[in-house]
Amino acid sequence: LIRFMSISHGTGIWQDNQQRLLQRGALCSNQLITCREDVYRYLLERGASAPEATAFMEYVRRGKAARTGYSEAQKELLQTCGAEDWFVQACEKICYLFPEGHSAEFALSLVRLVWYALHHPETAAMILEERSVST
């Protein structure tokens, strides 16, 4: 649920990007880049230092790779880490990545709302009504 929330709040992550890679079989669903931390963890697992992974993740999450491409140092980092083609291609199309912690809070709120809808439908209706009035 957290990964779904992350992917739905990012930009350039799914359509015309990882959706096609997934359909072609270039990556598996558990490899999807859904949040900032996925980029960071991917690079750490392949030998990048924490500062290198952080800098690259920040570059990708802000959409700079999509706007200006990779620098020579970033290309070298990707090559040194043995980054797979799908990862390089996906990061180049991402315009914004949502933080995993924010997605977790959204997911928790959704679980609470569903629980109320199942166990106290009148309360859930009242909550939804209040939200629709305030927007």
Protein backbone atom coordinates (compact mmCIF):
# COMPACT_ATOMS: atom_id res chain seq x y z
CA LEU A 1 0.00 0.00 0.00
CA ILE A 2 2.87 2.36 0.81
CA ARG A 3 4.49 1.70 -2.57
CA PHE A 4 1.18 2.34 -4.33
CA MET A 5 0.76 5.62 -2.46
CA SER A 6 4.30 6.65 -3.40
CA ILE A 7 3.87 5.90 -7.08
CA SER A 8 0.54 7.73 -7.20
CA HIS A 9 2.08 10.90 -5.74
CA GLY A 10 5.19 10.99 -7.92
CA THR A 11 5.48 12.40 -11.43
CA GLY A 12 6.94 10.63 -14.43
CA ILE A 13 7.25 7.38 -12.52
CA TRP A 14 4.66 5.12 -14.11
CA GLN A 15 3.10 6.13 -17.40
CA ASP A 16 5.56 6.20 -20.32
CA ASN A 17 8.22 4.94 -17.95
CA GLN A 18 8.19 1.94 -15.63
CA GLN A 19 4.81 0.72 -16.85
CA ARG A 20 6.36 -0.03 -20.23
CA LEU A 21 9.49 -1.52 -18.66
CA LEU A 22 7.32 -3.81 -16.53
CA GLN A 23 5.15 -4.84 -19.49
CA ARG A 24 8.25 -5.65 -21.58
CA GLY A 25 9.67 -7.74 -18.76
CA ALA A 26 12.69 -5.45 -18.29
CA LEU A 27 11.98 -5.34 -14.55
CA CYS A 28 9.84 -7.07 -11.92
CA SER A 29 7.20 -5.39 -9.78
CA ASN A 30 9.40 -5.62 -6.68
CA GLN A 31 12.09 -3.60 -8.52
CA LEU A 32 9.84 -0.60 -9.26
CA ILE A 33 11.13 2.80 -8.23
CA THR A 34 8.22 4.19 -6.26
CA CYS A 35 9.85 6.65 -3.85
CA ARG A 36 13.09 8.51 -3.18
CA GLU A 37 14.37 5.80 -0.90
CA ASP A 38 14.17 3.17 -3.65
CA VAL A 39 16.82 5.04 -5.65
CA TYR A 40 18.98 5.45 -2.55
CA ARG A 41 18.73 1.79 -1.52
CA TYR A 42 19.38 0.55 -5.07
CA LEU A 43 22.67 2.41 -5.26
CA LEU A 44 23.74 1.50 -1.72
CA GLU A 45 23.16 -2.19 -2.45
CA ARG A 46 25.48 -1.88 -5.45
CA GLY A 47 28.37 -0.30 -3.58
CA ALA A 48 27.74 3.45 -3.72
CA SER A 49 28.63 5.39 -0.59
CA ALA A 50 25.82 7.02 1.39
CA PRO A 51 26.80 10.54 0.22
CA GLU A 52 26.94 9.38 -3.43
CA ALA A 53 23.58 7.64 -3.19
CA THR A 54 22.02 10.64 -1.44
CA ALA A 55 23.29 13.11 -4.04
CA PHE A 56 22.07 10.94 -6.92
CA MET A 57 18.69 10.37 -5.26
CA GLU A 58 18.23 14.12 -4.73
CA TYR A 59 19.12 14.76 -8.37
CA VAL A 60 16.58 12.21 -9.61
CA ARG A 61 13.78 13.07 -7.16
CA ARG A 62 13.77 16.71 -8.26
CA GLY A 63 13.54 15.75 -11.94
CA LYS A 64 16.95 17.09 -12.87
CA ALA A 65 17.90 13.88 -14.65
CA ALA A 66 14.72 14.21 -16.73
CA ARG A 67 15.51 17.82 -17.61
CA THR A 68 19.28 17.79 -18.16
CA GLY A 69 20.41 14.16 -18.19
CA TYR A 70 23.32 12.77 -16.22
CA SER A 71 26.68 14.39 -15.58
CA GLU A 72 29.85 12.47 -16.36
CA ALA A 73 30.36 11.81 -12.64
CA GLN A 74 26.84 10.39 -12.37
CA LYS A 75 27.35 8.18 -15.42
CA GLU A 76 30.57 6.93 -13.86
CA LEU A 77 28.76 6.23 -10.57
CA LEU A 78 26.06 4.26 -12.39
CA GLN A 79 28.69 2.29 -14.29
CA THR A 80 30.77 1.63 -11.16
CA CYS A 81 27.66 0.41 -9.33
CA GLY A 82 26.66 -1.80 -12.23
CA ALA A 83 23.28 -0.08 -12.51
CA GLU A 84 20.97 -1.99 -14.82
CA ASP A 85 19.68 -0.35 -18.00
CA TRP A 86 16.10 -0.24 -16.74
CA PHE A 87 17.21 1.72 -13.64
CA VAL A 88 19.17 4.25 -15.68
CA GLN A 89 16.27 4.70 -18.12
CA ALA A 90 13.61 4.96 -15.40
CA CYS A 91 15.53 7.57 -13.40
CA GLU A 92 15.97 9.68 -16.54
CA LYS A 93 12.20 10.03 -16.88
CA ILE A 94 11.27 10.74 -13.27
CA CYS A 95 10.16 14.31 -12.62
CA TYR A 96 9.35 14.00 -8.90
CA LEU A 97 9.66 11.27 -6.28
CA PHE A 98 7.55 11.31 -3.13
CA PRO A 99 9.18 10.46 0.23
CA GLU A 100 8.40 7.01 1.61
CA GLY A 101 7.56 8.39 5.07
CA HIS A 102 4.80 10.60 3.66
CA SER A 103 3.38 7.63 1.75
CA ALA A 104 3.33 5.58 4.95
CA GLU A 105 1.23 8.26 6.66
CA PHE A 106 -1.20 8.37 3.72
CA ALA A 107 -1.46 4.56 3.76
CA LEU A 108 -2.13 4.54 7.50
CA SER A 109 -4.85 7.16 7.09
CA LEU A 110 -6.46 5.06 4.37
CA VAL A 111 -6.39 1.95 6.57
CA ARG A 112 -8.04 3.91 9.39
CA LEU A 113 -10.72 5.25 7.07
CA VAL A 114 -11.50 1.76 5.75
CA TRP A 115 -11.66 0.44 9.32
CA TYR A 116 -14.14 3.16 10.24
CA ALA A 117 -16.14 2.51 7.08
CA LEU A 118 -16.46 -1.16 8.03
CA HIS A 119 -16.99 -0.83 11.77
CA HIS A 120 -18.54 2.63 12.17
CA PRO A 121 -20.02 3.64 8.80
CA GLU A 122 -21.79 6.68 10.24
CA THR A 123 -18.47 8.08 11.51
CA ALA A 124 -16.76 7.42 8.19
CA ALA A 125 -19.61 9.17 6.34
CA MET A 126 -19.27 12.15 8.66
CA ILE A 127 -15.49 12.32 8.11
CA LEU A 128 -15.89 12.16 4.35
CA GLU A 129 -18.63 14.78 4.43
CA GLU A 130 -16.44 17.14 6.47
CA ARG A 131 -13.57 16.70 4.01
CA SER A 132 -15.75 17.40 0.98
CA VAL A 133 -17.13 20.58 2.58
CA SER A 134 -13.65 21.91 3.44
CA THR A 135 -12.31 21.47 -0.13
